[in-house]
Amino acid sequence: MLDIKKLGIEYVTNHEGEKTAVILPIGHFEELLEDIEDLAADAERREEPVITHEQLLTELKRDGPFIRSNGKVRLPGNFAACQKT
């Protein structure tokens, strides 16, 4: 869990002393953005069908993790082809 005290947060206040904004180190800000993006991706995938680890292993053994053709290796889907090393 996030320890807010370790973030080095500074607050901007108005003339009445009410907090109106937050200042934090850029590294912490970038980490928070990455966490938010990860949570958003998880939420988008929540309804996707899942398979068991055993099913995944069976499919990888059957299909292989890569598609090989003409001396090139490429990942399934729309990934760019790369030269076989």
N, C-alpha and C. Protein backbone atom coordinates (compact mmCIF):
# COMPACT_ATOMS: atom_id res chain seq x y z
N MET A 1 0.83 -1.18 0.00
CA MET A 1 0.00 0.00 0.00
C MET A 1 0.88 1.25 0.00
N LEU A 2 0.40 2.29 -0.56
CA LEU A 2 1.10 3.55 -0.70
C LEU A 2 1.24 4.24 0.65
N ASP A 3 2.46 4.63 0.99
CA ASP A 3 2.71 5.39 2.22
C ASP A 3 2.77 6.86 1.86
N ILE A 4 1.69 7.57 2.10
CA ILE A 4 1.58 8.97 1.70
C ILE A 4 2.64 9.83 2.38
N LYS A 5 3.02 9.49 3.59
CA LYS A 5 4.03 10.29 4.31
C LYS A 5 5.38 10.26 3.61
N LYS A 6 5.68 9.20 2.87
CA LYS A 6 6.96 9.08 2.18
C LYS A 6 6.97 9.74 0.81
N LEU A 7 5.83 10.26 0.35
CA LEU A 7 5.76 10.87 -0.98
C LEU A 7 6.39 12.25 -1.04
N GLY A 8 6.58 12.91 0.06
CA GLY A 8 7.14 14.26 0.04
C GLY A 8 6.15 15.27 -0.50
N ILE A 9 4.90 15.10 -0.15
CA ILE A 9 3.85 15.99 -0.65
C ILE A 9 3.93 17.35 0.03
N GLU A 10 3.74 18.39 -0.79
CA GLU A 10 3.58 19.75 -0.28
C GLU A 10 2.22 20.24 -0.76
N TYR A 11 1.57 21.03 0.06
CA TYR A 11 0.25 21.55 -0.29
C TYR A 11 0.31 23.03 -0.59
N VAL A 12 -0.47 23.45 -1.55
CA VAL A 12 -0.68 24.86 -1.85
C VAL A 12 -2.01 25.22 -1.20
N THR A 13 -2.01 26.31 -0.47
CA THR A 13 -3.24 26.72 0.22
C THR A 13 -3.67 28.11 -0.25
N ASN A 14 -4.94 28.37 -0.08
CA ASN A 14 -5.45 29.70 -0.41
C ASN A 14 -5.30 30.61 0.81
N HIS A 15 -5.80 31.82 0.71
CA HIS A 15 -5.65 32.80 1.78
C HIS A 15 -6.38 32.40 3.06
N GLU A 16 -7.31 31.44 2.94
CA GLU A 16 -8.03 30.95 4.13
C GLU A 16 -7.38 29.70 4.72
N GLY A 17 -6.27 29.27 4.12
CA GLY A 17 -5.58 28.09 4.62
C GLY A 17 -6.13 26.77 4.10
N GLU A 18 -7.06 26.82 3.15
CA GLU A 18 -7.62 25.60 2.57
C GLU A 18 -6.69 25.06 1.50
N LYS A 19 -6.49 23.76 1.51
CA LYS A 19 -5.63 23.12 0.51
C LYS A 19 -6.30 23.21 -0.86
N THR A 20 -5.53 23.70 -1.83
CA THR A 20 -6.08 23.87 -3.18
C THR A 20 -5.31 23.09 -4.24
N ALA A 21 -4.10 22.66 -3.92
CA ALA A 21 -3.28 21.93 -4.90
C ALA A 21 -2.22 21.14 -4.15
N VAL A 22 -1.58 20.24 -4.89
CA VAL A 22 -0.54 19.39 -4.32
C VAL A 22 0.72 19.51 -5.17
N ILE A 23 1.85 19.53 -4.50
CA ILE A 23 3.15 19.50 -5.18
C ILE A 23 3.85 18.24 -4.70
N LEU A 24 4.33 17.43 -5.64
CA LEU A 24 5.08 16.24 -5.26
C LEU A 24 6.20 16.01 -6.25
N PRO A 25 7.25 15.30 -5.84
CA PRO A 25 8.37 15.05 -6.74
C PRO A 25 7.91 14.34 -8.02
N ILE A 26 8.52 14.71 -9.14
CA ILE A 26 8.10 14.18 -10.44
C ILE A 26 8.16 12.67 -10.50
N GLY A 27 9.17 12.07 -9.86
CA GLY A 27 9.27 10.61 -9.87
C GLY A 27 8.07 9.95 -9.22
N HIS A 28 7.63 10.51 -8.10
CA HIS A 28 6.44 9.96 -7.43
C HIS A 28 5.20 10.17 -8.27
N PHE A 29 5.11 11.34 -8.92
CA PHE A 29 3.98 11.63 -9.79
C PHE A 29 3.91 10.62 -10.94
N GLU A 30 5.06 10.33 -11.56
CA GLU A 30 5.09 9.37 -12.66
C GLU A 30 4.72 7.98 -12.20
N GLU A 31 5.17 7.59 -10.99
CA GLU A 31 4.79 6.29 -10.44
C GLU A 31 3.29 6.21 -10.21
N LEU A 32 2.70 7.29 -9.69
CA LEU A 32 1.25 7.32 -9.47
C LEU A 32 0.49 7.21 -10.79
N LEU A 33 0.97 7.92 -11.82
CA LEU A 33 0.32 7.82 -13.14
C LEU A 33 0.38 6.40 -13.68
N GLU A 34 1.53 5.76 -13.51
CA GLU A 34 1.68 4.37 -13.98
C GLU A 34 0.72 3.45 -13.23
N ASP A 35 0.60 3.66 -11.93
CA ASP A 35 -0.35 2.85 -11.15
C ASP A 35 -1.78 3.06 -11.62
N ILE A 36 -2.14 4.31 -11.92
CA ILE A 36 -3.49 4.60 -12.41
C ILE A 36 -3.72 3.92 -13.75
N GLU A 37 -2.73 3.97 -14.64
CA GLU A 37 -2.86 3.32 -15.94
C GLU A 37 -3.03 1.81 -15.78
N ASP A 38 -2.27 1.21 -14.86
CA ASP A 38 -2.39 -0.23 -14.60
C ASP A 38 -3.78 -0.57 -14.09
N LEU A 39 -4.29 0.24 -13.18
CA LEU A 39 -5.64 -0.01 -12.64
C LEU A 39 -6.70 0.13 -13.72
N ALA A 40 -6.53 1.11 -14.62
CA ALA A 40 -7.48 1.30 -15.72
C ALA A 40 -7.45 0.09 -16.66
N ALA A 41 -6.25 -0.42 -16.95
CA ALA A 41 -6.14 -1.60 -17.82
C ALA A 41 -6.80 -2.81 -17.16
N ASP A 42 -6.58 -2.96 -15.86
CA ASP A 42 -7.21 -4.07 -15.14
C ASP A 42 -8.73 -3.96 -15.20
N ALA A 43 -9.25 -2.75 -15.02
CA ALA A 43 -10.69 -2.55 -15.05
C ALA A 43 -11.26 -2.86 -16.43
N GLU A 44 -10.54 -2.47 -17.50
CA GLU A 44 -11.01 -2.74 -18.86
C GLU A 44 -11.05 -4.23 -19.15
N ARG A 45 -10.14 -4.99 -18.55
CA ARG A 45 -10.03 -6.42 -18.82
C ARG A 45 -10.85 -7.29 -17.88
N ARG A 46 -11.54 -6.66 -16.95
CA ARG A 46 -12.27 -7.40 -15.93
C ARG A 46 -13.26 -8.41 -16.51
N GLU A 47 -13.89 -8.06 -17.62
CA GLU A 47 -14.91 -8.92 -18.21
C GLU A 47 -14.35 -9.91 -19.24
N GLU A 48 -13.04 -9.86 -19.50
CA GLU A 48 -12.45 -10.78 -20.47
C GLU A 48 -12.47 -12.20 -19.92
N PRO A 49 -12.63 -13.18 -20.80
CA PRO A 49 -12.60 -14.57 -20.33
C PRO A 49 -11.20 -14.92 -19.83
N VAL A 50 -11.13 -15.80 -18.87
CA VAL A 50 -9.84 -16.23 -18.32
C VAL A 50 -9.66 -17.72 -18.57
N ILE A 51 -8.40 -18.15 -18.58
CA ILE A 51 -8.10 -19.57 -18.70
C ILE A 51 -7.17 -19.94 -17.55
N THR A 52 -7.13 -21.19 -17.22
CA THR A 52 -6.26 -21.65 -16.15
C THR A 52 -4.82 -21.72 -16.64
N HIS A 53 -3.91 -21.80 -15.71
CA HIS A 53 -2.49 -21.92 -16.05
C HIS A 53 -2.26 -23.20 -16.86
N GLU A 54 -2.95 -24.26 -16.49
CA GLU A 54 -2.81 -25.53 -17.21
C GLU A 54 -3.28 -25.39 -18.66
N GLN A 55 -4.38 -24.66 -18.87
CA GLN A 55 -4.88 -24.42 -20.23
C GLN A 55 -3.86 -23.61 -21.04
N LEU A 56 -3.27 -22.62 -20.41
CA LEU A 56 -2.26 -21.82 -21.09
C LEU A 56 -1.08 -22.67 -21.51
N LEU A 57 -0.58 -23.50 -20.61
CA LEU A 57 0.54 -24.37 -20.94
C LEU A 57 0.19 -25.32 -22.08
N THR A 58 -1.01 -25.86 -22.06
CA THR A 58 -1.45 -26.75 -23.13
C THR A 58 -1.46 -26.03 -24.47
N GLU A 59 -1.99 -24.79 -24.50
CA GLU A 59 -2.03 -24.02 -25.75
C GLU A 59 -0.62 -23.67 -26.23
N LEU A 60 0.26 -23.29 -25.31
CA LEU A 60 1.62 -22.95 -25.71
C LEU A 60 2.36 -24.16 -26.25
N LYS A 61 2.13 -25.32 -25.64
CA LYS A 61 2.77 -26.55 -26.14
C LYS A 61 2.22 -26.92 -27.51
N ARG A 62 0.93 -26.70 -27.70
CA ARG A 62 0.29 -27.03 -28.98
C ARG A 62 0.67 -26.03 -30.06
N ASP A 63 0.53 -24.73 -29.77
CA ASP A 63 0.69 -23.69 -30.79
C ASP A 63 2.06 -23.04 -30.78
N GLY A 64 2.75 -23.12 -29.66
CA GLY A 64 4.02 -22.43 -29.52
C GLY A 64 3.78 -20.96 -29.23
N PRO A 65 4.74 -20.31 -28.57
CA PRO A 65 4.56 -18.90 -28.24
C PRO A 65 4.84 -17.97 -29.42
N PHE A 66 5.46 -18.49 -30.49
CA PHE A 66 5.83 -17.66 -31.63
C PHE A 66 5.37 -18.31 -32.92
N ILE A 67 5.21 -17.48 -33.94
CA ILE A 67 4.90 -17.98 -35.27
C ILE A 67 6.19 -17.88 -36.08
N ARG A 68 6.61 -18.99 -36.68
CA ARG A 68 7.85 -19.01 -37.46
C ARG A 68 7.52 -19.23 -38.93
N SER A 69 8.11 -18.37 -39.78
CA SER A 69 7.94 -18.58 -41.21
C SER A 69 9.02 -17.82 -41.96
N ASN A 70 9.52 -18.40 -43.04
CA ASN A 70 10.51 -17.77 -43.90
C ASN A 70 11.73 -17.25 -43.15
N GLY A 71 12.20 -17.99 -42.15
CA GLY A 71 13.38 -17.58 -41.41
C GLY A 71 13.15 -16.42 -40.46
N LYS A 72 11.90 -16.01 -40.30
CA LYS A 72 11.57 -14.92 -39.39
C LYS A 72 10.74 -15.46 -38.24
N VAL A 73 10.88 -14.80 -37.13
CA VAL A 73 10.08 -15.14 -35.96
C VAL A 73 9.22 -13.94 -35.63
N ARG A 74 7.96 -14.15 -35.42
CA ARG A 74 7.10 -13.04 -35.02
C ARG A 74 6.12 -13.51 -33.95
N LEU A 75 5.70 -12.57 -33.17
CA LEU A 75 4.71 -12.87 -32.15
C LEU A 75 3.34 -12.94 -32.79
N PRO A 76 2.44 -13.70 -32.21
CA PRO A 76 1.07 -13.72 -32.74
C PRO A 76 0.46 -12.32 -32.66
N GLY A 77 -0.50 -12.07 -33.49
CA GLY A 77 -1.17 -10.77 -33.47
C GLY A 77 -0.51 -9.80 -34.42
N ASN A 78 -0.55 -8.53 -34.10
CA ASN A 78 -0.05 -7.49 -34.98
C ASN A 78 1.34 -7.00 -34.62
N PHE A 79 2.16 -7.85 -34.03
CA PHE A 79 3.51 -7.46 -33.67
C PHE A 79 4.40 -7.52 -34.91
N ALA A 80 5.36 -6.64 -34.97
CA ALA A 80 6.26 -6.57 -36.13
C ALA A 80 7.16 -7.80 -36.17
N ALA A 81 7.49 -8.23 -37.38
CA ALA A 81 8.38 -9.36 -37.57
C ALA A 81 9.80 -8.97 -37.22
N CYS A 82 10.58 -9.93 -36.78
CA CYS A 82 11.99 -9.67 -36.49
C CYS A 82 12.82 -10.81 -37.04
N GLN A 83 14.06 -10.57 -37.33
CA GLN A 83 14.94 -11.58 -37.90
C GLN A 83 15.25 -12.64 -36.85
N LYS A 84 15.28 -13.88 -37.28
CA LYS A 84 15.61 -14.97 -36.39
C LYS A 84 17.11 -14.89 -36.07
N THR A 85 17.45 -15.02 -34.78
CA THR A 85 18.86 -14.96 -34.39
C THR A 85 19.37 -16.32 -34.01
